[in-house]
Protein backbone atom coordinates (compact mmCIF):
# COMPACT_ATOMS: atom_id res chain seq x y z
CA UNK A 1 -6.79 49.25 8.13
CA UNK A 2 -9.50 46.41 9.63
CA UNK A 3 -10.00 42.87 7.81
CA UNK A 4 -13.13 44.30 5.86
CA UNK A 5 -11.06 47.07 4.22
CA UNK A 6 -8.12 44.61 3.37
CA UNK A 7 -10.62 42.20 1.07
CA UNK A 8 -10.36 43.21 -2.98
CA UNK A 9 -13.33 42.63 -4.58
CA UNK A 10 -11.92 43.36 -7.71
CA UNK A 11 -9.23 41.19 -7.10
CA UNK A 12 -11.13 38.16 -6.09
CA UNK A 13 -13.47 38.94 -9.58
CA UNK A 14 -10.29 38.56 -11.43
CA UNK A 15 -9.16 35.38 -9.69
CA UNK A 16 -13.09 33.40 -9.76
CA UNK A 17 -12.85 32.38 -12.88
CA UNK A 18 -9.60 30.52 -12.94
CA UNK A 19 -10.45 29.01 -9.43
CA UNK A 20 -13.88 27.89 -10.28
CA UNK A 21 -12.27 26.60 -13.28
CA UNK A 22 -9.69 24.48 -11.03
CA UNK A 23 -12.56 23.31 -8.62
CA UNK A 24 -14.82 22.34 -11.33
CA UNK A 25 -12.65 19.72 -13.48
CA UNK A 26 -9.58 18.71 -11.36
CA UNK A 27 -12.57 18.01 -8.05
CA UNK A 28 -15.10 17.92 -9.89
CA UNK A 29 -16.74 20.42 -6.99
CA UNK A 30 -20.77 20.45 -6.48
CA UNK A 31 -22.29 22.93 -3.60
CA UNK A 32 -26.03 22.33 -2.97
CA UNK A 33 -27.87 24.79 -0.60
CA UNK A 34 -25.88 28.16 -0.45
CA UNK A 35 -29.28 29.93 -0.89
CA UNK A 36 -30.09 29.14 2.53
CA UNK A 37 -27.16 31.45 3.64
CA UNK A 38 -29.05 34.62 5.86
CA UNK A 39 -28.69 38.12 5.15
CA UNK A 40 -26.16 40.11 6.90
CA UNK A 41 -23.30 38.51 9.02
CA UNK A 42 -23.29 34.74 9.42
CA UNK A 43 -20.64 32.40 10.76
CA UNK A 44 -20.18 29.00 8.24
CA UNK A 45 -18.75 26.34 10.27
CA UNK A 46 -17.60 23.11 8.38
CA UNK A 47 -15.81 20.28 8.20
CA UNK A 48 -11.86 20.39 7.20
CA UNK A 49 -10.64 17.94 4.60
CA UNK A 50 -7.55 16.84 2.66
CA UNK A 51 -4.29 17.91 4.70
CA UNK A 52 -2.28 20.04 3.58
CA UNK A 53 -4.39 21.09 0.70
CA UNK A 54 -8.01 21.08 1.66
CA UNK A 55 -10.08 22.25 -0.92
CA UNK A 56 -12.96 23.47 1.52
CA UNK A 57 -12.39 27.48 1.34
CA UNK A 58 -12.38 28.01 -2.34
CA UNK A 59 -14.73 25.41 -3.12
CA UNK A 60 -17.13 27.17 -0.74
CA UNK A 61 -16.09 30.56 -2.33
CA UNK A 62 -16.94 29.91 -5.33
CA UNK A 63 -20.37 28.80 -5.02
CA UNK A 64 -20.66 31.61 -2.41
CA UNK A 65 -19.57 34.50 -5.41
CA UNK A 66 -21.81 32.26 -7.72
CA UNK A 67 -24.82 33.18 -5.43
CA UNK A 68 -24.39 36.65 -4.03
CA UNK A 69 -21.58 38.08 -6.88
CA UNK A 70 -17.97 38.68 -5.39
CA UNK A 71 -18.51 42.23 -3.55
CA UNK A 72 -20.64 40.44 -0.60
CA UNK A 73 -17.86 40.00 2.06
CA UNK A 74 -17.09 36.36 2.85
CA UNK A 75 -13.57 35.97 5.09
CA UNK A 76 -11.57 32.80 6.13
CA UNK A 77 -10.02 32.91 9.87
CA UNK A 78 -6.49 30.99 8.66
CA UNK A 79 -3.31 30.40 10.55
CA UNK A 80 -0.87 32.64 10.85
CA UNK A 81 2.12 30.86 8.56
CA UNK A 82 -0.38 31.77 5.37
CA UNK A 83 0.77 35.39 6.15
CA UNK A 84 4.19 35.13 6.22
CA UNK A 85 6.58 37.27 3.76
CA UNK A 86 4.97 38.52 0.11
CA UNK A 87 2.25 35.43 0.88
CA UNK A 88 0.17 38.22 3.40
CA UNK A 89 -1.00 40.97 1.78
CA UNK A 90 -2.40 38.72 -1.57
CA UNK A 91 -3.84 36.28 0.90
CA UNK A 92 -5.32 39.49 2.46
CA UNK A 93 -6.78 40.90 -0.74
CA UNK A 94 -8.51 37.26 -0.94
CA UNK A 95 -10.46 37.49 2.74
CA UNK A 96 -8.11 35.65 4.50
CA UNK A 97 -7.47 37.00 8.07
CA UNK A 98 -5.33 35.91 11.28
CA UNK A 99 -7.77 33.09 13.65
CA UNK A 100 -8.27 35.59 16.21
CA UNK A 101 -11.82 36.00 17.96
CA UNK A 102 -11.03 40.06 17.45
CA UNK A 103 -11.20 39.35 13.76
CA UNK A 104 -14.17 37.19 13.34
CA UNK A 105 -16.10 39.75 15.76
CA UNK A 106 -15.30 42.51 13.76
CA UNK A 107 -16.02 40.64 10.65
CA UNK A 108 -19.30 39.29 11.49
CA UNK A 109 -20.21 42.51 13.37
CA UNK A 110 -19.65 44.24 10.28
CA UNK A 111 -21.92 42.02 8.69
CA UNK A 112 -19.78 39.71 6.73
CA UNK A 113 -19.43 36.27 6.52
CA UNK A 114 -16.92 34.05 7.67
CA UNK A 115 -15.79 30.52 7.32
CA UNK A 116 -14.28 28.18 10.93
CA UNK A 117 -13.67 24.98 11.10
CA UNK A 118 -13.34 24.29 14.31
CA UNK A 119 -11.54 21.25 14.39
CA UNK A 120 -8.43 22.79 12.04
CA UNK A 121 -5.71 20.35 11.49
CA UNK A 122 -7.06 17.62 13.95
CA UNK A 123 -9.77 17.53 11.59
CA UNK A 124 -8.05 18.07 8.39
CA UNK A 125 -5.67 15.20 9.24
CA UNK A 126 -7.74 12.67 10.10
CA UNK A 127 -7.34 9.02 9.21
CA UNK A 128 -8.89 8.29 6.04
CA UNK A 129 -10.98 5.54 8.33
CA UNK A 130 -12.44 8.04 9.92
CA UNK A 131 -13.20 10.42 7.04
CA UNK A 132 -16.82 10.90 7.25
CA UNK A 133 -16.88 11.60 11.62
CA UNK A 134 -17.15 15.47 11.98
CA UNK A 135 -14.33 15.87 14.86
CA UNK A 136 -13.76 19.02 16.63
CA UNK A 137 -11.64 17.90 18.94
CA UNK A 138 -13.65 19.39 22.06
CA UNK A 139 -13.41 23.25 20.58
CA UNK A 140 -15.92 25.50 21.15
CA UNK A 141 -14.66 28.67 20.86
CA UNK A 142 -16.59 29.06 17.69
CA UNK A 143 -19.76 29.38 19.47
CA UNK A 144 -19.23 31.75 21.82
CA UNK A 145 -17.51 34.01 18.61
CA UNK A 146 -21.48 33.44 16.93
CA UNK A 147 -23.16 34.15 20.16
CA UNK A 148 -20.72 37.51 21.09
CA UNK A 149 -21.58 38.84 17.50
CA UNK A 150 -24.90 38.16 17.42
CA UNK A 151 -25.37 36.04 14.06
CA UNK A 152 -26.84 33.15 13.08
CA UNK A 153 -23.90 29.47 12.81
CA UNK A 154 -24.17 28.11 8.76
CA UNK A 155 -23.29 24.33 9.00
CA UNK A 156 -21.55 23.07 6.00
CA UNK A 157 -20.39 19.78 5.75
CA UNK A 158 -17.88 18.19 2.38
CA UNK A 159 -17.10 14.64 1.37
CA UNK A 160 -14.33 13.72 -0.92
CA UNK A 161 -11.73 15.68 0.35
CA UNK A 162 -10.36 12.73 2.72
CA UNK A 163 -9.88 10.46 -0.28
CA UNK A 164 -7.16 12.88 -1.69
CA UNK A 165 -4.48 10.69 -0.47
CA UNK A 166 -4.69 7.53 2.24
CA UNK A 167 -4.58 9.20 5.47
CA UNK A 168 -3.29 6.94 7.74
CA UNK A 169 -2.24 8.34 11.29
CA UNK A 170 -1.86 11.87 12.63
CA UNK A 171 1.01 11.02 14.23
CA UNK A 172 0.83 12.93 17.35
CA UNK A 173 3.26 10.09 19.05
CA UNK A 174 6.21 11.93 16.90
CA UNK A 175 4.53 15.93 16.52
CA UNK A 176 4.91 16.09 20.02
CA UNK A 177 8.50 15.22 19.78
CA UNK A 178 9.19 17.43 16.46
CA UNK A 179 11.70 20.15 16.55
CA UNK A 180 9.14 21.99 13.78
CA UNK A 181 6.51 21.33 16.79
CA UNK A 182 6.59 25.54 17.95
CA UNK A 183 7.20 26.72 14.23
CA UNK A 184 4.54 24.78 12.74
CA UNK A 185 2.31 25.22 15.74
CA UNK A 186 0.65 21.73 15.70
CA UNK A 187 1.52 18.60 17.92
CA UNK A 188 0.74 16.24 14.54
CA UNK A 189 2.92 14.71 12.02
CA UNK A 190 0.79 13.02 10.01
CA UNK A 191 1.45 10.02 7.93
CA UNK A 192 -0.11 9.15 4.44
CA UNK A 193 0.13 6.90 1.45
CA UNK A 194 -0.25 8.97 -1.77
CA UNK A 195 1.50 10.67 -4.99
CA UNK A 196 3.99 10.69 -5.57
CA UNK A 197 6.02 9.90 -2.43
CA UNK A 198 3.91 6.72 -1.51
CA UNK A 199 4.51 5.97 2.49
CA UNK A 200 5.65 9.38 4.31
CA UNK A 201 4.53 12.64 5.51
CA UNK A 202 1.26 13.10 4.38
CA UNK A 203 1.68 16.92 3.67
CA UNK A 204 4.49 16.31 0.99
CA UNK A 205 1.72 14.28 -1.60
CA UNK A 206 -0.31 15.71 -4.03
CA UNK A 207 -3.74 15.37 -3.92
CA UNK A 208 -5.87 12.95 -6.14
CA UNK A 209 -8.45 14.52 -8.34
CA UNK A 210 -11.15 13.28 -5.82
CA UNK A 211 -14.81 14.56 -6.12
CA UNK A 212 -15.52 16.82 -3.62
CA UNK A 213 -19.62 17.61 -2.47
CA UNK A 214 -20.74 20.01 -0.32
CA UNK A 215 -23.84 20.88 1.41
CA UNK A 216 -25.03 23.86 3.40
CA UNK A 217 -27.07 23.31 5.95
CA UNK A 218 -30.01 25.08 7.73
CA UNK A 219 -28.80 28.12 9.57
CA UNK A 220 -28.62 27.94 13.53
CA UNK A 221 -29.71 30.92 15.42
CA UNK A 222 -28.98 29.79 18.98
CA UNK A 223 -30.74 32.22 21.32
CA UNK A 224 -33.84 31.36 19.64
CA UNK A 225 -33.04 27.73 19.58
CA UNK A 226 -31.40 27.55 23.05
CA UNK A 227 -32.06 30.33 24.82
CA UNK A 228 -29.97 33.66 25.74
CA UNK A 229 -28.02 31.40 28.66
CA UNK A 230 -27.12 27.95 26.26
CA UNK A 231 -25.08 25.87 27.17
CA UNK A 232 -22.42 25.51 24.97
CA UNK A 233 -21.66 21.53 25.45
CA UNK A 234 -25.36 21.31 24.38
CA UNK A 235 -25.49 23.53 21.48
CA UNK A 236 -22.18 22.32 20.02
CA UNK A 237 -23.44 18.10 20.07
CA UNK A 238 -26.68 19.45 18.38
CA UNK A 239 -24.37 21.29 15.57
CA UNK A 240 -21.94 18.17 15.07
CA UNK A 241 -25.07 16.08 15.17
CA UNK A 242 -26.57 17.65 12.66
CA UNK A 243 -23.30 17.65 10.82
CA UNK A 244 -22.68 14.28 11.24
CA UNK A 245 -26.35 12.99 10.03
CA UNK A 246 -25.61 14.72 6.65
CA UNK A 247 -22.37 13.48 6.29
CA UNK A 248 -23.82 9.91 6.56
CA UNK A 249 -26.44 10.71 4.27
CA UNK A 250 -23.52 12.22 1.87
CA UNK A 251 -21.64 8.80 2.47
CA UNK A 252 -24.57 6.66 1.74
CA UNK A 253 -25.25 8.25 -1.50
CA UNK A 254 -21.15 8.39 -2.73
CA UNK A 255 -20.95 5.28 -4.57
CA UNK A 256 -16.60 4.57 -4.89
CA UNK A 257 -13.62 6.62 -3.37
CA UNK A 258 -12.04 9.09 -5.05
CA UNK A 259 -15.14 8.65 -8.34
CA UNK A 260 -18.07 9.91 -6.56
């Protein structure tokens, strides 16, 4: 059974009211520009924020379902650990799939929409002082995925998630020596200050009720804009540049940390 067949729109529709309540009360989420999403397959590319509990996916999923209904397929490429044990079948019913290029191609070429965060854990554990910086850590594989499937990229930026606690460091000097390195598939050991453990490993803290604001930008047709054989470094620079400009604009409009 392929990724497109495992998603259960009926289960998602049942869960959406509770998910919407959580996102719009605790995080006071707001999303603009979802109407810009093109028909058919599309690759949503976002900045990632919030440490071990990023709210980017549920916030986007709620807004996407509000705009297009639960029937329109939306998927998220996720870390293998999300599918361990009994959690695996549940996550797949809600549209989470293993983060492989083949899975992404199946979804996109089948007319589905999928979300990818190229910066991954490197982005979501960035220090709070870099909270308004879009950093994919040099990764451009998302462009190859979109080009292969012949779908547009839809940049999405959000602000507020990196204020859920005080992220002090990615802790790479610890992560590279950690015995959990292979199990967690990361070189990071992020350090943060938050509730209830104050100073310590960032994943242990509960996220503060920070206001998260999200903006969907204009789709990018790579071939139409850059030609049939584009320079991926150039395209990546343009994508991140447009996201960075929007994020700075959103930062200027934000009056207070956490409060929004």
